[in-house]
Amino acid sequence: MAKLLVVDDEANIRLLYSQELSDEGYQVVTAGSALEAVEKLESESFDLAVIDIKLKNESGIELLQRIVKERHTIPVILCTAFSCYKDDFSAWLADGYVVKSSDLQELKDEIARVLAKRQRGAYV
């Protein structure tokens, strides 16, 4: 069972993602801020992180950069309401990019794709 870290400042989104992704068979841990995410990354191991780009007073892009620098074996999917960041070269560090939708199928498909890539040893 893959363990996912979901980082989003909206409690309802964290709850929705947690329920939907748990139903898919993933173990899901959530964080409401970049600071909380860093604390969890330092104390637990994860197979993948799903990060919102716009957190309350923080940037999901900066969290992405920190994960890439310090924990490069954890793939990251950016999940945001804004499609414009897809062209931002800072976002290209992410392994996946999904625009938020009420239909979570695209996110689920992207998680499965990135985890399959990880299992093939792409993140050693």
N, C-alpha and C. Protein backbone atom coordinates (compact mmCIF):
# COMPACT_ATOMS: atom_id res chain seq x y z
N MET A 1 0.85 -1.17 0.00
CA MET A 1 0.00 0.00 0.00
C MET A 1 0.89 1.24 0.00
N ALA A 2 0.74 2.07 -1.00
CA ALA A 2 1.54 3.29 -1.08
C ALA A 2 1.04 4.32 -0.07
N LYS A 3 1.99 5.06 0.47
CA LYS A 3 1.66 6.08 1.47
C LYS A 3 1.81 7.46 0.83
N LEU A 4 0.72 8.23 0.86
CA LEU A 4 0.70 9.54 0.21
C LEU A 4 0.63 10.65 1.24
N LEU A 5 1.29 11.76 0.95
CA LEU A 5 1.16 12.98 1.74
C LEU A 5 0.40 13.98 0.89
N VAL A 6 -0.74 14.44 1.38
CA VAL A 6 -1.57 15.43 0.69
C VAL A 6 -1.44 16.75 1.45
N VAL A 7 -0.97 17.78 0.75
CA VAL A 7 -0.77 19.09 1.37
C VAL A 7 -1.71 20.09 0.72
N ASP A 8 -2.65 20.59 1.50
CA ASP A 8 -3.61 21.59 1.00
C ASP A 8 -4.10 22.39 2.20
N ASP A 9 -4.24 23.69 2.03
CA ASP A 9 -4.67 24.53 3.15
C ASP A 9 -6.18 24.49 3.37
N GLU A 10 -6.93 23.90 2.47
CA GLU A 10 -8.38 23.81 2.62
C GLU A 10 -8.75 22.46 3.24
N ALA A 11 -9.36 22.54 4.43
CA ALA A 11 -9.71 21.33 5.18
C ALA A 11 -10.64 20.42 4.39
N ASN A 12 -11.59 21.01 3.66
CA ASN A 12 -12.54 20.18 2.89
C ASN A 12 -11.83 19.41 1.78
N ILE A 13 -10.84 20.04 1.15
CA ILE A 13 -10.08 19.35 0.09
C ILE A 13 -9.27 18.22 0.71
N ARG A 14 -8.65 18.48 1.85
CA ARG A 14 -7.87 17.41 2.51
C ARG A 14 -8.78 16.22 2.84
N LEU A 15 -9.97 16.52 3.37
CA LEU A 15 -10.90 15.46 3.73
C LEU A 15 -11.36 14.69 2.49
N LEU A 16 -11.71 15.41 1.42
CA LEU A 16 -12.15 14.76 0.19
C LEU A 16 -11.05 13.87 -0.39
N TYR A 17 -9.85 14.41 -0.51
CA TYR A 17 -8.74 13.64 -1.08
C TYR A 17 -8.41 12.44 -0.20
N SER A 18 -8.45 12.66 1.11
CA SER A 18 -8.15 11.57 2.03
C SER A 18 -9.14 10.42 1.86
N GLN A 19 -10.42 10.74 1.80
CA GLN A 19 -11.44 9.70 1.65
C GLN A 19 -11.34 9.01 0.28
N GLU A 20 -11.25 9.81 -0.77
CA GLU A 20 -11.22 9.23 -2.12
C GLU A 20 -9.96 8.39 -2.35
N LEU A 21 -8.83 8.88 -1.91
CA LEU A 21 -7.58 8.15 -2.14
C LEU A 21 -7.46 6.94 -1.22
N SER A 22 -8.03 7.02 -0.02
CA SER A 22 -8.08 5.84 0.86
C SER A 22 -8.95 4.77 0.24
N ASP A 23 -10.05 5.17 -0.38
CA ASP A 23 -10.92 4.20 -1.08
C ASP A 23 -10.19 3.53 -2.23
N GLU A 24 -9.16 4.20 -2.78
CA GLU A 24 -8.37 3.62 -3.87
C GLU A 24 -7.30 2.66 -3.34
N GLY A 25 -7.19 2.60 -2.00
CA GLY A 25 -6.22 1.67 -1.41
C GLY A 25 -4.94 2.31 -0.92
N TYR A 26 -4.87 3.63 -0.95
CA TYR A 26 -3.66 4.31 -0.48
C TYR A 26 -3.79 4.63 1.00
N GLN A 27 -2.64 4.68 1.68
CA GLN A 27 -2.59 5.21 3.03
C GLN A 27 -2.34 6.71 2.87
N VAL A 28 -3.21 7.53 3.42
CA VAL A 28 -3.15 8.97 3.18
C VAL A 28 -2.90 9.72 4.49
N VAL A 29 -1.91 10.60 4.46
CA VAL A 29 -1.62 11.51 5.57
C VAL A 29 -1.78 12.91 5.00
N THR A 30 -2.40 13.81 5.76
CA THR A 30 -2.62 15.15 5.25
C THR A 30 -1.86 16.18 6.08
N ALA A 31 -1.59 17.32 5.43
CA ALA A 31 -0.97 18.46 6.09
C ALA A 31 -1.66 19.72 5.57
N GLY A 32 -1.89 20.68 6.49
CA GLY A 32 -2.57 21.92 6.11
C GLY A 32 -1.64 23.07 5.78
N SER A 33 -0.33 22.84 5.90
CA SER A 33 0.63 23.91 5.60
C SER A 33 1.96 23.28 5.17
N ALA A 34 2.82 24.12 4.60
CA ALA A 34 4.14 23.63 4.21
C ALA A 34 4.94 23.22 5.45
N LEU A 35 4.82 23.99 6.52
CA LEU A 35 5.54 23.67 7.75
C LEU A 35 5.11 22.31 8.29
N GLU A 36 3.80 22.07 8.34
CA GLU A 36 3.30 20.78 8.81
C GLU A 36 3.78 19.66 7.88
N ALA A 37 3.81 19.93 6.59
CA ALA A 37 4.28 18.92 5.64
C ALA A 37 5.75 18.57 5.89
N VAL A 38 6.58 19.58 6.12
CA VAL A 38 8.00 19.34 6.38
C VAL A 38 8.17 18.51 7.65
N GLU A 39 7.39 18.83 8.68
CA GLU A 39 7.47 18.06 9.92
C GLU A 39 7.12 16.60 9.68
N LYS A 40 6.09 16.36 8.87
CA LYS A 40 5.68 14.98 8.58
C LYS A 40 6.71 14.27 7.71
N LEU A 41 7.30 15.01 6.77
CA LEU A 41 8.34 14.42 5.92
C LEU A 41 9.58 14.03 6.72
N GLU A 42 9.84 14.77 7.79
CA GLU A 42 11.01 14.48 8.63
C GLU A 42 10.76 13.30 9.57
N SER A 43 9.50 12.99 9.85
CA SER A 43 9.21 11.93 10.81
C SER A 43 8.63 10.66 10.19
N GLU A 44 8.17 10.74 8.94
CA GLU A 44 7.56 9.58 8.29
C GLU A 44 8.12 9.44 6.89
N SER A 45 7.96 8.26 6.32
CA SER A 45 8.37 8.08 4.92
C SER A 45 7.12 8.04 4.04
N PHE A 46 7.25 8.58 2.84
CA PHE A 46 6.13 8.65 1.91
C PHE A 46 6.57 8.15 0.54
N ASP A 47 5.61 7.64 -0.20
CA ASP A 47 5.87 7.19 -1.56
C ASP A 47 5.60 8.29 -2.57
N LEU A 48 4.80 9.29 -2.18
CA LEU A 48 4.43 10.36 -3.12
C LEU A 48 3.79 11.49 -2.34
N ALA A 49 3.97 12.72 -2.82
CA ALA A 49 3.31 13.89 -2.21
C ALA A 49 2.45 14.58 -3.26
N VAL A 50 1.26 14.98 -2.84
CA VAL A 50 0.35 15.78 -3.66
C VAL A 50 0.27 17.14 -2.99
N ILE A 51 0.68 18.18 -3.69
CA ILE A 51 0.81 19.51 -3.08
C ILE A 51 0.01 20.55 -3.85
N ASP A 52 -0.76 21.34 -3.12
CA ASP A 52 -1.43 22.49 -3.70
C ASP A 52 -0.39 23.59 -3.90
N ILE A 53 -0.44 24.29 -5.01
CA ILE A 53 0.54 25.35 -5.27
C ILE A 53 0.31 26.55 -4.35
N LYS A 54 -0.95 26.91 -4.16
CA LYS A 54 -1.25 28.09 -3.34
C LYS A 54 -1.71 27.65 -1.96
N LEU A 55 -0.82 27.75 -1.01
CA LEU A 55 -1.16 27.52 0.38
C LEU A 55 -1.37 28.89 1.01
N LYS A 56 -1.96 28.96 2.18
CA LYS A 56 -2.33 30.27 2.75
C LYS A 56 -1.22 31.32 2.67
N ASN A 57 -0.17 31.15 3.43
CA ASN A 57 0.91 32.13 3.45
C ASN A 57 2.20 31.54 2.90
N GLU A 58 2.06 30.45 2.17
CA GLU A 58 3.24 29.76 1.70
C GLU A 58 3.06 29.37 0.24
N SER A 59 4.13 28.95 -0.34
CA SER A 59 4.09 28.53 -1.73
C SER A 59 4.32 27.03 -1.84
N GLY A 60 3.44 26.37 -2.53
CA GLY A 60 3.62 24.95 -2.78
C GLY A 60 4.84 24.71 -3.67
N ILE A 61 5.17 25.70 -4.50
CA ILE A 61 6.35 25.59 -5.36
C ILE A 61 7.62 25.54 -4.50
N GLU A 62 7.66 26.38 -3.46
CA GLU A 62 8.82 26.36 -2.56
C GLU A 62 8.91 25.03 -1.82
N LEU A 63 7.77 24.49 -1.42
CA LEU A 63 7.76 23.18 -0.77
C LEU A 63 8.25 22.12 -1.75
N LEU A 64 7.80 22.20 -3.00
CA LEU A 64 8.27 21.29 -4.04
C LEU A 64 9.79 21.36 -4.16
N GLN A 65 10.33 22.58 -4.22
CA GLN A 65 11.79 22.74 -4.37
C GLN A 65 12.52 22.13 -3.17
N ARG A 66 11.96 22.30 -1.98
CA ARG A 66 12.60 21.74 -0.77
C ARG A 66 12.59 20.21 -0.81
N ILE A 67 11.47 19.64 -1.25
CA ILE A 67 11.38 18.17 -1.33
C ILE A 67 12.37 17.65 -2.37
N VAL A 68 12.44 18.31 -3.52
CA VAL A 68 13.37 17.87 -4.57
C VAL A 68 14.81 17.93 -4.06
N LYS A 69 15.13 18.98 -3.30
CA LYS A 69 16.49 19.16 -2.80
C LYS A 69 16.84 18.18 -1.67
N GLU A 70 15.89 17.99 -0.75
CA GLU A 70 16.20 17.22 0.46
C GLU A 70 15.69 15.78 0.43
N ARG A 71 14.68 15.51 -0.35
CA ARG A 71 14.07 14.17 -0.37
C ARG A 71 13.72 13.80 -1.82
N HIS A 72 14.75 13.78 -2.65
CA HIS A 72 14.53 13.60 -4.08
C HIS A 72 13.90 12.25 -4.46
N THR A 73 13.81 11.32 -3.52
CA THR A 73 13.20 10.04 -3.84
C THR A 73 11.68 10.07 -3.73
N ILE A 74 11.13 11.18 -3.27
CA ILE A 74 9.68 11.29 -3.15
C ILE A 74 9.15 12.07 -4.35
N PRO A 75 8.42 11.42 -5.25
CA PRO A 75 7.84 12.16 -6.37
C PRO A 75 6.72 13.08 -5.89
N VAL A 76 6.54 14.18 -6.61
CA VAL A 76 5.56 15.19 -6.23
C VAL A 76 4.61 15.46 -7.39
N ILE A 77 3.34 15.52 -7.07
CA ILE A 77 2.32 15.95 -8.03
C ILE A 77 1.77 17.28 -7.53
N LEU A 78 1.82 18.31 -8.36
CA LEU A 78 1.20 19.58 -8.02
C LEU A 78 -0.27 19.50 -8.41
N CYS A 79 -1.12 19.94 -7.50
CA CYS A 79 -2.56 19.91 -7.75
C CYS A 79 -3.09 21.30 -7.40
N THR A 80 -3.58 22.00 -8.39
CA THR A 80 -3.96 23.39 -8.19
C THR A 80 -5.20 23.76 -8.99
N ALA A 81 -5.83 24.83 -8.59
CA ALA A 81 -6.98 25.34 -9.33
C ALA A 81 -6.53 26.17 -10.52
N PHE A 82 -5.24 26.43 -10.63
CA PHE A 82 -4.72 27.33 -11.66
C PHE A 82 -3.91 26.56 -12.69
N SER A 83 -4.37 26.58 -13.94
CA SER A 83 -3.63 25.89 -15.00
C SER A 83 -2.42 26.71 -15.45
N CYS A 84 -2.38 28.01 -15.12
CA CYS A 84 -1.31 28.89 -15.62
C CYS A 84 0.07 28.50 -15.09
N TYR A 85 0.15 27.86 -13.94
CA TYR A 85 1.45 27.49 -13.37
C TYR A 85 2.11 26.35 -14.12
N LYS A 86 1.35 25.68 -14.95
CA LYS A 86 1.92 24.56 -15.70
C LYS A 86 3.07 25.01 -16.59
N ASP A 87 3.01 26.26 -17.04
CA ASP A 87 4.06 26.80 -17.90
C ASP A 87 5.19 27.44 -17.11
N ASP A 88 5.06 27.53 -15.79
CA ASP A 88 6.11 28.09 -14.94
C ASP A 88 7.21 27.05 -14.79
N PHE A 89 8.43 27.41 -15.17
CA PHE A 89 9.50 26.40 -15.16
C PHE A 89 9.75 25.83 -13.77
N SER A 90 9.41 26.58 -12.70
CA SER A 90 9.58 26.04 -11.34
C SER A 90 8.68 24.83 -11.12
N ALA A 91 7.53 24.83 -11.75
CA ALA A 91 6.59 23.71 -11.60
C ALA A 91 7.07 22.48 -12.35
N TRP A 92 8.02 22.66 -13.25
CA TRP A 92 8.50 21.52 -14.04
C TRP A 92 9.29 20.54 -13.20
N LEU A 93 9.68 20.95 -11.98
CA LEU A 93 10.36 20.02 -11.08
C LEU A 93 9.43 18.90 -10.62
N ALA A 94 8.13 19.17 -10.68
CA ALA A 94 7.15 18.19 -10.23
C ALA A 94 7.07 17.03 -11.22
N ASP A 95 6.68 15.90 -10.72
CA ASP A 95 6.53 14.70 -11.55
C ASP A 95 5.17 14.66 -12.24
N GLY A 96 4.24 15.48 -11.75
CA GLY A 96 2.92 15.54 -12.33
C GLY A 96 2.26 16.86 -12.00
N TYR A 97 1.27 17.23 -12.79
CA TYR A 97 0.55 18.49 -12.61
C TYR A 97 -0.91 18.23 -12.94
N VAL A 98 -1.77 18.51 -11.98
CA VAL A 98 -3.20 18.25 -12.18
C VAL A 98 -3.97 19.51 -11.79
N VAL A 99 -4.91 19.91 -12.63
CA VAL A 99 -5.80 21.02 -12.29
C VAL A 99 -6.96 20.45 -11.49
N LYS A 100 -7.24 21.08 -10.35
CA LYS A 100 -8.30 20.59 -9.46
C LYS A 100 -9.63 20.52 -10.19
N SER A 101 -10.37 19.48 -9.86
CA SER A 101 -11.68 19.27 -10.46
C SER A 101 -12.54 18.51 -9.45
N SER A 102 -13.85 18.61 -9.61
CA SER A 102 -14.73 17.81 -8.75
C SER A 102 -14.61 16.33 -9.06
N ASP A 103 -14.17 16.02 -10.26
CA ASP A 103 -13.90 14.64 -10.67
C ASP A 103 -12.42 14.35 -10.39
N LEU A 104 -12.15 13.47 -9.46
CA LEU A 104 -10.77 13.21 -9.07
C LEU A 104 -10.07 12.15 -9.92
N GLN A 105 -10.70 11.73 -11.01
CA GLN A 105 -10.12 10.65 -11.81
C GLN A 105 -8.75 11.02 -12.37
N GLU A 106 -8.60 12.27 -12.85
CA GLU A 106 -7.31 12.67 -13.40
C GLU A 106 -6.22 12.60 -12.33
N LEU A 107 -6.54 13.04 -11.12
CA LEU A 107 -5.57 12.97 -10.02
C LEU A 107 -5.24 11.51 -9.70
N LYS A 108 -6.25 10.67 -9.63
CA LYS A 108 -6.03 9.24 -9.34
C LYS A 108 -5.16 8.60 -10.43
N ASP A 109 -5.44 8.93 -11.69
CA ASP A 109 -4.66 8.39 -12.80
C ASP A 109 -3.21 8.86 -12.73
N GLU A 110 -3.03 10.13 -12.38
CA GLU A 110 -1.67 10.68 -12.30
C GLU A 110 -0.90 10.04 -11.15
N ILE A 111 -1.55 9.85 -10.03
CA ILE A 111 -0.90 9.17 -8.89
C ILE A 111 -0.48 7.76 -9.30
N ALA A 112 -1.35 7.03 -9.96
CA ALA A 112 -1.02 5.67 -10.39
C ALA A 112 0.15 5.68 -11.37
N ARG A 113 0.15 6.66 -12.29
CA ARG A 113 1.23 6.75 -13.29
C ARG A 113 2.57 7.03 -12.61
N VAL A 114 2.59 8.00 -11.70
CA VAL A 114 3.84 8.38 -11.05
C VAL A 114 4.33 7.26 -10.13
N LEU A 115 3.43 6.59 -9.42
CA LEU A 115 3.85 5.49 -8.55
C LEU A 115 4.39 4.32 -9.38
N ALA A 116 3.81 4.07 -10.54
CA ALA A 116 4.32 3.00 -11.41
C ALA A 116 5.73 3.36 -11.88
N LYS A 117 5.95 4.62 -12.20
CA LYS A 117 7.28 5.09 -12.60
C LYS A 117 8.27 4.92 -11.44
N ARG A 118 7.80 5.21 -10.23
CA ARG A 118 8.66 5.07 -9.04
C ARG A 118 9.04 3.60 -8.84
N GLN A 119 8.09 2.71 -9.04
CA GLN A 119 8.36 1.28 -8.87
C GLN A 119 9.37 0.77 -9.88
N ARG A 120 9.44 1.43 -11.03
CA ARG A 120 10.43 1.02 -12.04
C ARG A 120 11.82 1.56 -11.72
N GLY A 121 11.93 2.25 -10.56
CA GLY A 121 13.23 2.72 -10.11
C GLY A 121 13.63 4.09 -10.60
N ALA A 122 12.68 4.89 -11.01
CA ALA A 122 13.01 6.21 -11.54
C ALA A 122 13.42 7.21 -10.47
N TYR A 123 13.24 6.86 -9.20
CA TYR A 123 13.52 7.84 -8.13
C TYR A 123 14.55 7.32 -7.14
N VAL A 124 15.55 6.63 -7.62
CA VAL A 124 16.59 6.10 -6.73
C VAL A 124 17.66 7.15 -6.51
